[in-house]
Amino acid sequence: KITAYIEQAKKDEGVEIIAGGNHSKEE
């Protein structure tokens, strides 16, 4: 749920990620 919002924010206009944005559920 959380990462879906982050990935959408990367695509939307007028929105900037200035820190973070990465994620993994491998471990």
mmCIF file of all heavy atoms, coordinates in Angstrom:
data_MODEL
# 
_entry.id   MODEL 
# 
loop_
_atom_site.group_PDB 
_atom_site.id 
_atom_site.type_symbol 
_atom_site.label_atom_id 
_atom_site.label_alt_id 
_atom_site.label_comp_id 
_atom_site.label_asym_id 
_atom_site.label_entity_id 
_atom_site.label_seq_id 
_atom_site.pdbx_PDB_ins_code 
_atom_site.Cartn_x 
_atom_site.Cartn_y 
_atom_site.Cartn_z 
_atom_site.occupancy 
_atom_site.B_iso_or_equiv 
_atom_site.pdbx_formal_charge 
_atom_site.auth_seq_id 
_atom_site.auth_comp_id 
_atom_site.auth_asym_id 
_atom_site.auth_atom_id 
_atom_site.pdbx_PDB_model_num 
ATOM 1   N N   . LYS A 1 1  ? 0.826  -1.208  0.000   1.00 0.00 ? 1  LYS A N   1 
ATOM 2   C CA  . LYS A 1 1  ? 0.000  0.000   0.000   1.00 0.00 ? 1  LYS A CA  1 
ATOM 3   C C   . LYS A 1 1  ? 0.860  1.258   0.000   1.00 0.00 ? 1  LYS A C   1 
ATOM 4   O O   . LYS A 1 1  ? 0.653  2.178   -0.799  1.00 0.00 ? 1  LYS A O   1 
ATOM 5   C CB  . LYS A 1 1  ? -0.919 0.000   1.220   1.00 0.00 ? 1  LYS A CB  1 
ATOM 6   C CG  . LYS A 1 1  ? -1.713 1.295   1.384   1.00 0.00 ? 1  LYS A CG  1 
ATOM 7   C CD  . LYS A 1 1  ? -2.481 1.331   2.693   1.00 0.00 ? 1  LYS A CD  1 
ATOM 8   C CE  . LYS A 1 1  ? -3.142 2.701   2.903   1.00 0.00 ? 1  LYS A CE  1 
ATOM 9   N NZ  . LYS A 1 1  ? -3.861 2.772   4.197   1.00 0.00 ? 1  LYS A NZ  1 
ATOM 10  N N   . ILE A 1 2  ? 1.839  1.291   0.891   1.00 0.00 ? 2  ILE A N   1 
ATOM 11  C CA  . ILE A 1 2  ? 2.677  2.487   1.029   1.00 0.00 ? 2  ILE A CA  1 
ATOM 12  C C   . ILE A 1 2  ? 3.503  2.727   -0.229  1.00 0.00 ? 2  ILE A C   1 
ATOM 13  O O   . ILE A 1 2  ? 3.587  3.854   -0.732  1.00 0.00 ? 2  ILE A O   1 
ATOM 14  C CB  . ILE A 1 2  ? 3.593  2.345   2.261   1.00 0.00 ? 2  ILE A CB  1 
ATOM 15  C CG1 . ILE A 1 2  ? 2.754  2.232   3.542   1.00 0.00 ? 2  ILE A CG1 1 
ATOM 16  C CG2 . ILE A 1 2  ? 4.549  3.536   2.366   1.00 0.00 ? 2  ILE A CG2 1 
ATOM 17  C CD1 . ILE A 1 2  ? 3.529  1.654   4.720   1.00 0.00 ? 2  ILE A CD1 1 
ATOM 18  N N   . THR A 1 3  ? 4.117  1.679   -0.735  1.00 0.00 ? 3  THR A N   1 
ATOM 19  C CA  . THR A 1 3  ? 4.989  1.852   -1.906  1.00 0.00 ? 3  THR A CA  1 
ATOM 20  C C   . THR A 1 3  ? 4.193  2.227   -3.156  1.00 0.00 ? 3  THR A C   1 
ATOM 21  O O   . THR A 1 3  ? 4.731  2.881   -4.056  1.00 0.00 ? 3  THR A O   1 
ATOM 22  C CB  . THR A 1 3  ? 5.810  0.588   -2.170  1.00 0.00 ? 3  THR A CB  1 
ATOM 23  O OG1 . THR A 1 3  ? 4.936  -0.546  -2.314  1.00 0.00 ? 3  THR A OG1 1 
ATOM 24  C CG2 . THR A 1 3  ? 6.770  0.331   -1.018  1.00 0.00 ? 3  THR A CG2 1 
ATOM 25  N N   . ALA A 1 4  ? 2.936  1.840   -3.222  1.00 0.00 ? 4  ALA A N   1 
ATOM 26  C CA  . ALA A 1 4  ? 2.102  2.240   -4.368  1.00 0.00 ? 4  ALA A CA  1 
ATOM 27  C C   . ALA A 1 4  ? 1.949  3.756   -4.400  1.00 0.00 ? 4  ALA A C   1 
ATOM 28  O O   . ALA A 1 4  ? 1.986  4.373   -5.482  1.00 0.00 ? 4  ALA A O   1 
ATOM 29  C CB  . ALA A 1 4  ? 0.739  1.563   -4.289  1.00 0.00 ? 4  ALA A CB  1 
ATOM 30  N N   . TYR A 1 5  ? 1.768  4.380   -3.226  1.00 0.00 ? 5  TYR A N   1 
ATOM 31  C CA  . TYR A 1 5  ? 1.682  5.845   -3.172  1.00 0.00 ? 5  TYR A CA  1 
ATOM 32  C C   . TYR A 1 5  ? 3.004  6.485   -3.585  1.00 0.00 ? 5  TYR A C   1 
ATOM 33  O O   . TYR A 1 5  ? 3.027  7.503   -4.291  1.00 0.00 ? 5  TYR A O   1 
ATOM 34  C CB  . TYR A 1 5  ? 1.311  6.301   -1.758  1.00 0.00 ? 5  TYR A CB  1 
ATOM 35  C CG  . TYR A 1 5  ? -0.145 6.165   -1.407  1.00 0.00 ? 5  TYR A CG  1 
ATOM 36  C CD1 . TYR A 1 5  ? -0.615 5.066   -0.694  1.00 0.00 ? 5  TYR A CD1 1 
ATOM 37  C CD2 . TYR A 1 5  ? -1.063 7.148   -1.768  1.00 0.00 ? 5  TYR A CD2 1 
ATOM 38  C CE1 . TYR A 1 5  ? -1.952 4.945   -0.352  1.00 0.00 ? 5  TYR A CE1 1 
ATOM 39  C CE2 . TYR A 1 5  ? -2.407 7.032   -1.432  1.00 0.00 ? 5  TYR A CE2 1 
ATOM 40  C CZ  . TYR A 1 5  ? -2.841 5.924   -0.721  1.00 0.00 ? 5  TYR A CZ  1 
ATOM 41  O OH  . TYR A 1 5  ? -4.169 5.819   -0.393  1.00 0.00 ? 5  TYR A OH  1 
ATOM 42  N N   . ILE A 1 6  ? 4.113  5.900   -3.153  1.00 0.00 ? 6  ILE A N   1 
ATOM 43  C CA  . ILE A 1 6  ? 5.421  6.445   -3.501  1.00 0.00 ? 6  ILE A CA  1 
ATOM 44  C C   . ILE A 1 6  ? 5.654  6.371   -5.002  1.00 0.00 ? 6  ILE A C   1 
ATOM 45  O O   . ILE A 1 6  ? 6.109  7.347   -5.634  1.00 0.00 ? 6  ILE A O   1 
ATOM 46  C CB  . ILE A 1 6  ? 6.532  5.691   -2.739  1.00 0.00 ? 6  ILE A CB  1 
ATOM 47  C CG1 . ILE A 1 6  ? 6.421  5.970   -1.234  1.00 0.00 ? 6  ILE A CG1 1 
ATOM 48  C CG2 . ILE A 1 6  ? 7.914  6.095   -3.252  1.00 0.00 ? 6  ILE A CG2 1 
ATOM 49  C CD1 . ILE A 1 6  ? 7.371  5.147   -0.384  1.00 0.00 ? 6  ILE A CD1 1 
ATOM 50  N N   . GLU A 1 7  ? 5.341  5.231   -5.597  1.00 0.00 ? 7  GLU A N   1 
ATOM 51  C CA  . GLU A 1 7  ? 5.566  5.069   -7.043  1.00 0.00 ? 7  GLU A CA  1 
ATOM 52  C C   . GLU A 1 7  ? 4.664  6.001   -7.845  1.00 0.00 ? 7  GLU A C   1 
ATOM 53  O O   . GLU A 1 7  ? 5.071  6.533   -8.882  1.00 0.00 ? 7  GLU A O   1 
ATOM 54  C CB  . GLU A 1 7  ? 5.335  3.612   -7.436  1.00 0.00 ? 7  GLU A CB  1 
ATOM 55  C CG  . GLU A 1 7  ? 6.385  2.662   -6.888  1.00 0.00 ? 7  GLU A CG  1 
ATOM 56  C CD  . GLU A 1 7  ? 7.791  3.084   -7.244  1.00 0.00 ? 7  GLU A CD  1 
ATOM 57  O OE1 . GLU A 1 7  ? 8.072  3.301   -8.448  1.00 0.00 ? 7  GLU A OE1 1 
ATOM 58  O OE2 . GLU A 1 7  ? 8.623  3.231   -6.325  1.00 0.00 ? 7  GLU A OE2 1 
ATOM 59  N N   . GLN A 1 8  ? 3.440  6.211   -7.378  1.00 0.00 ? 8  GLN A N   1 
ATOM 60  C CA  . GLN A 1 8  ? 2.553  7.142   -8.076  1.00 0.00 ? 8  GLN A CA  1 
ATOM 61  C C   . GLN A 1 8  ? 3.076  8.569   -7.975  1.00 0.00 ? 8  GLN A C   1 
ATOM 62  O O   . GLN A 1 8  ? 3.000  9.347   -8.936  1.00 0.00 ? 8  GLN A O   1 
ATOM 63  C CB  . GLN A 1 8  ? 1.143  7.059   -7.495  1.00 0.00 ? 8  GLN A CB  1 
ATOM 64  C CG  . GLN A 1 8  ? 0.105  7.873   -8.241  1.00 0.00 ? 8  GLN A CG  1 
ATOM 65  C CD  . GLN A 1 8  ? -0.055 7.446   -9.686  1.00 0.00 ? 8  GLN A CD  1 
ATOM 66  O OE1 . GLN A 1 8  ? -0.144 6.251   -9.990  1.00 0.00 ? 8  GLN A OE1 1 
ATOM 67  N NE2 . GLN A 1 8  ? -0.054 8.414   -10.612 1.00 0.00 ? 8  GLN A NE2 1 
ATOM 68  N N   . ALA A 1 9  ? 3.625  8.916   -6.809  1.00 0.00 ? 9  ALA A N   1 
ATOM 69  C CA  . ALA A 1 9  ? 4.175  10.261  -6.623  1.00 0.00 ? 9  ALA A CA  1 
ATOM 70  C C   . ALA A 1 9  ? 5.323  10.528  -7.573  1.00 0.00 ? 9  ALA A C   1 
ATOM 71  O O   . ALA A 1 9  ? 5.515  11.678  -8.018  1.00 0.00 ? 9  ALA A O   1 
ATOM 72  C CB  . ALA A 1 9  ? 4.630  10.436  -5.172  1.00 0.00 ? 9  ALA A CB  1 
ATOM 73  N N   . LYS A 1 10 ? 6.083  9.510   -7.916  1.00 0.00 ? 10 LYS A N   1 
ATOM 74  C CA  . LYS A 1 10 ? 7.197  9.670   -8.858  1.00 0.00 ? 10 LYS A CA  1 
ATOM 75  C C   . LYS A 1 10 ? 6.705  10.050  -10.259 1.00 0.00 ? 10 LYS A C   1 
ATOM 76  O O   . LYS A 1 10 ? 7.443  10.650  -11.052 1.00 0.00 ? 10 LYS A O   1 
ATOM 77  C CB  . LYS A 1 10 ? 8.016  8.381   -8.935  1.00 0.00 ? 10 LYS A CB  1 
ATOM 78  C CG  . LYS A 1 10 ? 8.772  8.045   -7.655  1.00 0.00 ? 10 LYS A CG  1 
ATOM 79  C CD  . LYS A 1 10 ? 9.492  6.704   -7.779  1.00 0.00 ? 10 LYS A CD  1 
ATOM 80  C CE  . LYS A 1 10 ? 10.244 6.357   -6.495  1.00 0.00 ? 10 LYS A CE  1 
ATOM 81  N NZ  . LYS A 1 10 ? 10.932 5.036   -6.582  1.00 0.00 ? 10 LYS A NZ  1 
ATOM 82  N N   . LYS A 1 11 ? 5.457  9.728   -10.567 1.00 0.00 ? 11 LYS A N   1 
ATOM 83  C CA  . LYS A 1 11 ? 4.908  9.967   -11.897 1.00 0.00 ? 11 LYS A CA  1 
ATOM 84  C C   . LYS A 1 11 ? 4.103  11.262  -11.987 1.00 0.00 ? 11 LYS A C   1 
ATOM 85  O O   . LYS A 1 11 ? 3.923  11.803  -13.083 1.00 0.00 ? 11 LYS A O   1 
ATOM 86  C CB  . LYS A 1 11 ? 4.004  8.796   -12.299 1.00 0.00 ? 11 LYS A CB  1 
ATOM 87  C CG  . LYS A 1 11 ? 4.674  7.442   -12.272 1.00 0.00 ? 11 LYS A CG  1 
ATOM 88  C CD  . LYS A 1 11 ? 3.648  6.332   -12.523 1.00 0.00 ? 11 LYS A CD  1 
ATOM 89  C CE  . LYS A 1 11 ? 4.266  4.950   -12.362 1.00 0.00 ? 11 LYS A CE  1 
ATOM 90  N NZ  . LYS A 1 11 ? 3.250  3.868   -12.527 1.00 0.00 ? 11 LYS A NZ  1 
ATOM 91  N N   . ASP A 1 12 ? 3.566  11.736  -10.878 1.00 0.00 ? 12 ASP A N   1 
ATOM 92  C CA  . ASP A 1 12 ? 2.622  12.853  -10.910 1.00 0.00 ? 12 ASP A CA  1 
ATOM 93  C C   . ASP A 1 12 ? 3.323  14.195  -11.078 1.00 0.00 ? 12 ASP A C   1 
ATOM 94  O O   . ASP A 1 12 ? 4.417  14.430  -10.544 1.00 0.00 ? 12 ASP A O   1 
ATOM 95  C CB  . ASP A 1 12 ? 1.791  12.869  -9.621  1.00 0.00 ? 12 ASP A CB  1 
ATOM 96  C CG  . ASP A 1 12 ? 0.807  11.714  -9.555  1.00 0.00 ? 12 ASP A CG  1 
ATOM 97  O OD1 . ASP A 1 12 ? 0.489  11.142  -10.609 1.00 0.00 ? 12 ASP A OD1 1 
ATOM 98  O OD2 . ASP A 1 12 ? 0.353  11.380  -8.422  1.00 0.00 ? 12 ASP A OD2 1 
ATOM 99  N N   . GLU A 1 13 ? 2.665  15.092  -11.810 1.00 0.00 ? 13 GLU A N   1 
ATOM 100 C CA  . GLU A 1 13 ? 3.176  16.448  -11.995 1.00 0.00 ? 13 GLU A CA  1 
ATOM 101 C C   . GLU A 1 13 ? 2.955  17.271  -10.729 1.00 0.00 ? 13 GLU A C   1 
ATOM 102 O O   . GLU A 1 13 ? 2.000  17.055  -9.987  1.00 0.00 ? 13 GLU A O   1 
ATOM 103 C CB  . GLU A 1 13 ? 2.469  17.124  -13.174 1.00 0.00 ? 13 GLU A CB  1 
ATOM 104 C CG  . GLU A 1 13 ? 2.779  16.490  -14.523 1.00 0.00 ? 13 GLU A CG  1 
ATOM 105 C CD  . GLU A 1 13 ? 2.134  17.239  -15.670 1.00 0.00 ? 13 GLU A CD  1 
ATOM 106 O OE1 . GLU A 1 13 ? 1.532  18.314  -15.407 1.00 0.00 ? 13 GLU A OE1 1 
ATOM 107 O OE2 . GLU A 1 13 ? 2.223  16.776  -16.807 1.00 0.00 ? 13 GLU A OE2 1 
ATOM 108 N N   . GLY A 1 14 ? 3.854  18.211  -10.501 1.00 0.00 ? 14 GLY A N   1 
ATOM 109 C CA  . GLY A 1 14 ? 3.740  19.060  -9.326  1.00 0.00 ? 14 GLY A CA  1 
ATOM 110 C C   . GLY A 1 14 ? 4.105  18.355  -8.046  1.00 0.00 ? 14 GLY A C   1 
ATOM 111 O O   . GLY A 1 14 ? 3.778  18.839  -6.957  1.00 0.00 ? 14 GLY A O   1 
ATOM 112 N N   . VAL A 1 15 ? 4.787  17.209  -8.173  1.00 0.00 ? 15 VAL A N   1 
ATOM 113 C CA  . VAL A 1 15 ? 5.162  16.405  -7.009  1.00 0.00 ? 15 VAL A CA  1 
ATOM 114 C C   . VAL A 1 15 ? 6.645  16.060  -7.127  1.00 0.00 ? 15 VAL A C   1 
ATOM 115 O O   . VAL A 1 15 ? 7.111  15.625  -8.179  1.00 0.00 ? 15 VAL A O   1 
ATOM 116 C CB  . VAL A 1 15 ? 4.338  15.108  -6.927  1.00 0.00 ? 15 VAL A CB  1 
ATOM 117 C CG1 . VAL A 1 15 ? 4.761  14.268  -5.729  1.00 0.00 ? 15 VAL A CG1 1 
ATOM 118 C CG2 . VAL A 1 15 ? 2.848  15.428  -6.857  1.00 0.00 ? 15 VAL A CG2 1 
ATOM 119 N N   . GLU A 1 16 ? 7.377  16.259  -6.055  1.00 0.00 ? 16 GLU A N   1 
ATOM 120 C CA  . GLU A 1 16 ? 8.812  15.973  -6.064  1.00 0.00 ? 16 GLU A CA  1 
ATOM 121 C C   . GLU A 1 16 ? 9.194  15.193  -4.805  1.00 0.00 ? 16 GLU A C   1 
ATOM 122 O O   . GLU A 1 16 ? 8.826  15.578  -3.694  1.00 0.00 ? 16 GLU A O   1 
ATOM 123 C CB  . GLU A 1 16 ? 9.624  17.271  -6.126  1.00 0.00 ? 16 GLU A CB  1 
ATOM 124 C CG  . GLU A 1 16 ? 11.129 17.056  -6.142  1.00 0.00 ? 16 GLU A CG  1 
ATOM 125 C CD  . GLU A 1 16 ? 11.927 18.349  -6.083  1.00 0.00 ? 16 GLU A CD  1 
ATOM 126 O OE1 . GLU A 1 16 ? 11.315 19.422  -5.914  1.00 0.00 ? 16 GLU A OE1 1 
ATOM 127 O OE2 . GLU A 1 16 ? 13.161 18.273  -6.177  1.00 0.00 ? 16 GLU A OE2 1 
ATOM 128 N N   . ILE A 1 17 ? 9.927  14.115  -4.995  1.00 0.00 ? 17 ILE A N   1 
ATOM 129 C CA  . ILE A 1 17 ? 10.479 13.366  -3.871  1.00 0.00 ? 17 ILE A CA  1 
ATOM 130 C C   . ILE A 1 17 ? 11.886 13.885  -3.618  1.00 0.00 ? 17 ILE A C   1 
ATOM 131 O O   . ILE A 1 17 ? 12.775 13.743  -4.464  1.00 0.00 ? 17 ILE A O   1 
ATOM 132 C CB  . ILE A 1 17 ? 10.490 11.855  -4.150  1.00 0.00 ? 17 ILE A CB  1 
ATOM 133 C CG1 . ILE A 1 17 ? 9.057  11.333  -4.275  1.00 0.00 ? 17 ILE A CG1 1 
ATOM 134 C CG2 . ILE A 1 17 ? 11.221 11.109  -3.033  1.00 0.00 ? 17 ILE A CG2 1 
ATOM 135 C CD1 . ILE A 1 17 ? 8.952  9.849   -4.604  1.00 0.00 ? 17 ILE A CD1 1 
ATOM 136 N N   . ILE A 1 18 ? 12.090 14.518  -2.459  1.00 0.00 ? 18 ILE A N   1 
ATOM 137 C CA  . ILE A 1 18 ? 13.395 15.136  -2.168  1.00 0.00 ? 18 ILE A CA  1 
ATOM 138 C C   . ILE A 1 18 ? 14.269 14.265  -1.273  1.00 0.00 ? 18 ILE A C   1 
ATOM 139 O O   . ILE A 1 18 ? 15.444 14.569  -1.073  1.00 0.00 ? 18 ILE A O   1 
ATOM 140 C CB  . ILE A 1 18 ? 13.214 16.526  -1.524  1.00 0.00 ? 18 ILE A CB  1 
ATOM 141 C CG1 . ILE A 1 18 ? 12.512 16.424  -0.170  1.00 0.00 ? 18 ILE A CG1 1 
ATOM 142 C CG2 . ILE A 1 18 ? 12.473 17.462  -2.464  1.00 0.00 ? 18 ILE A CG2 1 
ATOM 143 C CD1 . ILE A 1 18 ? 12.521 17.718  0.629   1.00 0.00 ? 18 ILE A CD1 1 
ATOM 144 N N   . ALA A 1 19 ? 13.713 13.180  -0.744  1.00 0.00 ? 19 ALA A N   1 
ATOM 145 C CA  . ALA A 1 19 ? 14.495 12.242  0.076   1.00 0.00 ? 19 ALA A CA  1 
ATOM 146 C C   . ALA A 1 19 ? 13.813 10.891  0.042   1.00 0.00 ? 19 ALA A C   1 
ATOM 147 O O   . ALA A 1 19 ? 12.585 10.796  0.030   1.00 0.00 ? 19 ALA A O   1 
ATOM 148 C CB  . ALA A 1 19 ? 14.620 12.737  1.512   1.00 0.00 ? 19 ALA A CB  1 
ATOM 149 N N   . GLY A 1 20 ? 14.616 9.837   0.013   1.00 0.00 ? 20 GLY A N   1 
ATOM 150 C CA  . GLY A 1 20 ? 14.062 8.488   0.046   1.00 0.00 ? 20 GLY A CA  1 
ATOM 151 C C   . GLY A 1 20 ? 13.429 8.087   -1.264  1.00 0.00 ? 20 GLY A C   1 
ATOM 152 O O   . GLY A 1 20 ? 13.895 8.458   -2.343  1.00 0.00 ? 20 GLY A O   1 
ATOM 153 N N   . GLY A 1 21 ? 12.372 7.292   -1.172  1.00 0.00 ? 21 GLY A N   1 
ATOM 154 C CA  . GLY A 1 21 ? 11.663 6.829   -2.357  1.00 0.00 ? 21 GLY A CA  1 
ATOM 155 C C   . GLY A 1 21 ? 12.017 5.412   -2.762  1.00 0.00 ? 21 GLY A C   1 
ATOM 156 O O   . GLY A 1 21 ? 11.339 4.807   -3.595  1.00 0.00 ? 21 GLY A O   1 
ATOM 157 N N   . ASN A 1 22 ? 13.067 4.844   -2.160  1.00 0.00 ? 22 ASN A N   1 
ATOM 158 C CA  . ASN A 1 22 ? 13.467 3.483   -2.489  1.00 0.00 ? 22 ASN A CA  1 
ATOM 159 C C   . ASN A 1 22 ? 12.867 2.493   -1.482  1.00 0.00 ? 22 ASN A C   1 
ATOM 160 O O   . ASN A 1 22 ? 12.572 2.853   -0.338  1.00 0.00 ? 22 ASN A O   1 
ATOM 161 C CB  . ASN A 1 22 ? 14.991 3.366   -2.488  1.00 0.00 ? 22 ASN A CB  1 
ATOM 162 C CG  . ASN A 1 22 ? 15.624 4.282   -3.521  1.00 0.00 ? 22 ASN A CG  1 
ATOM 163 O OD1 . ASN A 1 22 ? 15.188 4.339   -4.669  1.00 0.00 ? 22 ASN A OD1 1 
ATOM 164 N ND2 . ASN A 1 22 ? 16.649 5.018   -3.098  1.00 0.00 ? 22 ASN A ND2 1 
ATOM 165 N N   . HIS A 1 23 ? 12.749 1.253   -1.938  1.00 0.00 ? 23 HIS A N   1 
ATOM 166 C CA  . HIS A 1 23 ? 12.148 0.235   -1.073  1.00 0.00 ? 23 HIS A CA  1 
ATOM 167 C C   . HIS A 1 23 ? 12.473 -1.158  -1.597  1.00 0.00 ? 23 HIS A C   1 
ATOM 168 O O   . HIS A 1 23 ? 12.780 -1.334  -2.783  1.00 0.00 ? 23 HIS A O   1 
ATOM 169 C CB  . HIS A 1 23 ? 10.628 0.416   -0.994  1.00 0.00 ? 23 HIS A CB  1 
ATOM 170 C CG  . HIS A 1 23 ? 9.964  0.629   -2.330  1.00 0.00 ? 23 HIS A CG  1 
ATOM 171 N ND1 . HIS A 1 23 ? 9.578  -0.420  -3.136  1.00 0.00 ? 23 HIS A ND1 1 
ATOM 172 C CD2 . HIS A 1 23 ? 9.624  1.759   -2.994  1.00 0.00 ? 23 HIS A CD2 1 
ATOM 173 C CE1 . HIS A 1 23 ? 9.028  0.058   -4.251  1.00 0.00 ? 23 HIS A CE1 1 
ATOM 174 N NE2 . HIS A 1 23 ? 9.042  1.383   -4.194  1.00 0.00 ? 23 HIS A NE2 1 
ATOM 175 N N   . SER A 1 24 ? 12.392 -2.151  -0.709  1.00 0.00 ? 24 SER A N   1 
ATOM 176 C CA  . SER A 1 24 ? 12.648 -3.542  -1.087  1.00 0.00 ? 24 SER A CA  1 
ATOM 177 C C   . SER A 1 24 ? 12.006 -4.463  -0.075  1.00 0.00 ? 24 SER A C   1 
ATOM 178 O O   . SER A 1 24 ? 12.008 -4.187  1.126   1.00 0.00 ? 24 SER A O   1 
ATOM 179 C CB  . SER A 1 24 ? 14.154 -3.812  -1.147  1.00 0.00 ? 24 SER A CB  1 
ATOM 180 O OG  . SER A 1 24 ? 14.398 -5.207  -1.307  1.00 0.00 ? 24 SER A OG  1 
ATOM 181 N N   . LYS A 1 25 ? 11.456 -5.584  -0.559  1.00 0.00 ? 25 LYS A N   1 
ATOM 182 C CA  . LYS A 1 25 ? 10.925 -6.611  0.344   1.00 0.00 ? 25 LYS A CA  1 
ATOM 183 C C   . LYS A 1 25 ? 11.614 -7.955  0.127   1.00 0.00 ? 25 LYS A C   1 
ATOM 184 O O   . LYS A 1 25 ? 11.057 -9.002  0.410   1.00 0.00 ? 25 LYS A O   1 
ATOM 185 C CB  . LYS A 1 25 ? 9.412  -6.743  0.191   1.00 0.00 ? 25 LYS A CB  1 
ATOM 186 C CG  . LYS A 1 25 ? 8.906  -7.088  -1.195  1.00 0.00 ? 25 LYS A CG  1 
ATOM 187 C CD  . LYS A 1 25 ? 7.373  -7.173  -1.164  1.00 0.00 ? 25 LYS A CD  1 
ATOM 188 C CE  . LYS A 1 25 ? 6.806  -7.427  -2.561  1.00 0.00 ? 25 LYS A CE  1 
ATOM 189 N NZ  . LYS A 1 25 ? 5.319  -7.503  -2.554  1.00 0.00 ? 25 LYS A NZ  1 
ATOM 190 N N   . GLU A 1 26 ? 12.848 -7.884  -0.329  1.00 0.00 ? 26 GLU A N   1 
ATOM 191 C CA  . GLU A 1 26 ? 13.601 -9.108  -0.574  1.00 0.00 ? 26 GLU A CA  1 
ATOM 192 C C   . GLU A 1 26 ? 13.931 -9.824  0.733   1.00 0.00 ? 26 GLU A C   1 
ATOM 193 O O   . GLU A 1 26 ? 13.766 -11.040 0.857   1.00 0.00 ? 26 GLU A O   1 
ATOM 194 C CB  . GLU A 1 26 ? 14.895 -8.786  -1.330  1.00 0.00 ? 26 GLU A CB  1 
ATOM 195 C CG  . GLU A 1 26 ? 15.700 -10.026 -1.699  1.00 0.00 ? 26 GLU A CG  1 
ATOM 196 C CD  . GLU A 1 26 ? 16.932 -9.697  -2.521  1.00 0.00 ? 26 GLU A CD  1 
ATOM 197 O OE1 . GLU A 1 26 ? 17.043 -8.554  -3.004  1.00 0.00 ? 26 GLU A OE1 1 
ATOM 198 O OE2 . GLU A 1 26 ? 17.786 -10.585 -2.676  1.00 0.00 ? 26 GLU A OE2 1 
ATOM 199 N N   . GLU A 1 27 ? 14.413 -9.073  1.722   1.00 0.00 ? 27 GLU A N   1 
ATOM 200 C CA  . GLU A 1 27 ? 14.762 -9.670  3.011   1.00 0.00 ? 27 GLU A CA  1 
ATOM 201 C C   . GLU A 1 27 ? 13.762 -9.307  4.107   1.00 0.00 ? 27 GLU A C   1 
ATOM 202 O O   . GLU A 1 27 ? 13.569 -10.056 5.060   1.00 0.00 ? 27 GLU A O   1 
ATOM 203 C CB  . GLU A 1 27 ? 16.162 -9.229  3.430   1.00 0.00 ? 27 GLU A CB  1 
ATOM 204 C CG  . GLU A 1 27 ? 17.254 -9.715  2.484   1.00 0.00 ? 27 GLU A CG  1 
ATOM 205 C CD  . GLU A 1 27 ? 18.637 -9.297  2.949   1.00 0.00 ? 27 GLU A CD  1 
ATOM 206 O OE1 . GLU A 1 27 ? 18.734 -8.672  4.031   1.00 0.00 ? 27 GLU A OE1 1 
ATOM 207 O OE2 . GLU A 1 27 ? 19.619 -9.598  2.247   1.00 0.00 ? 27 GLU A OE2 1 
# 
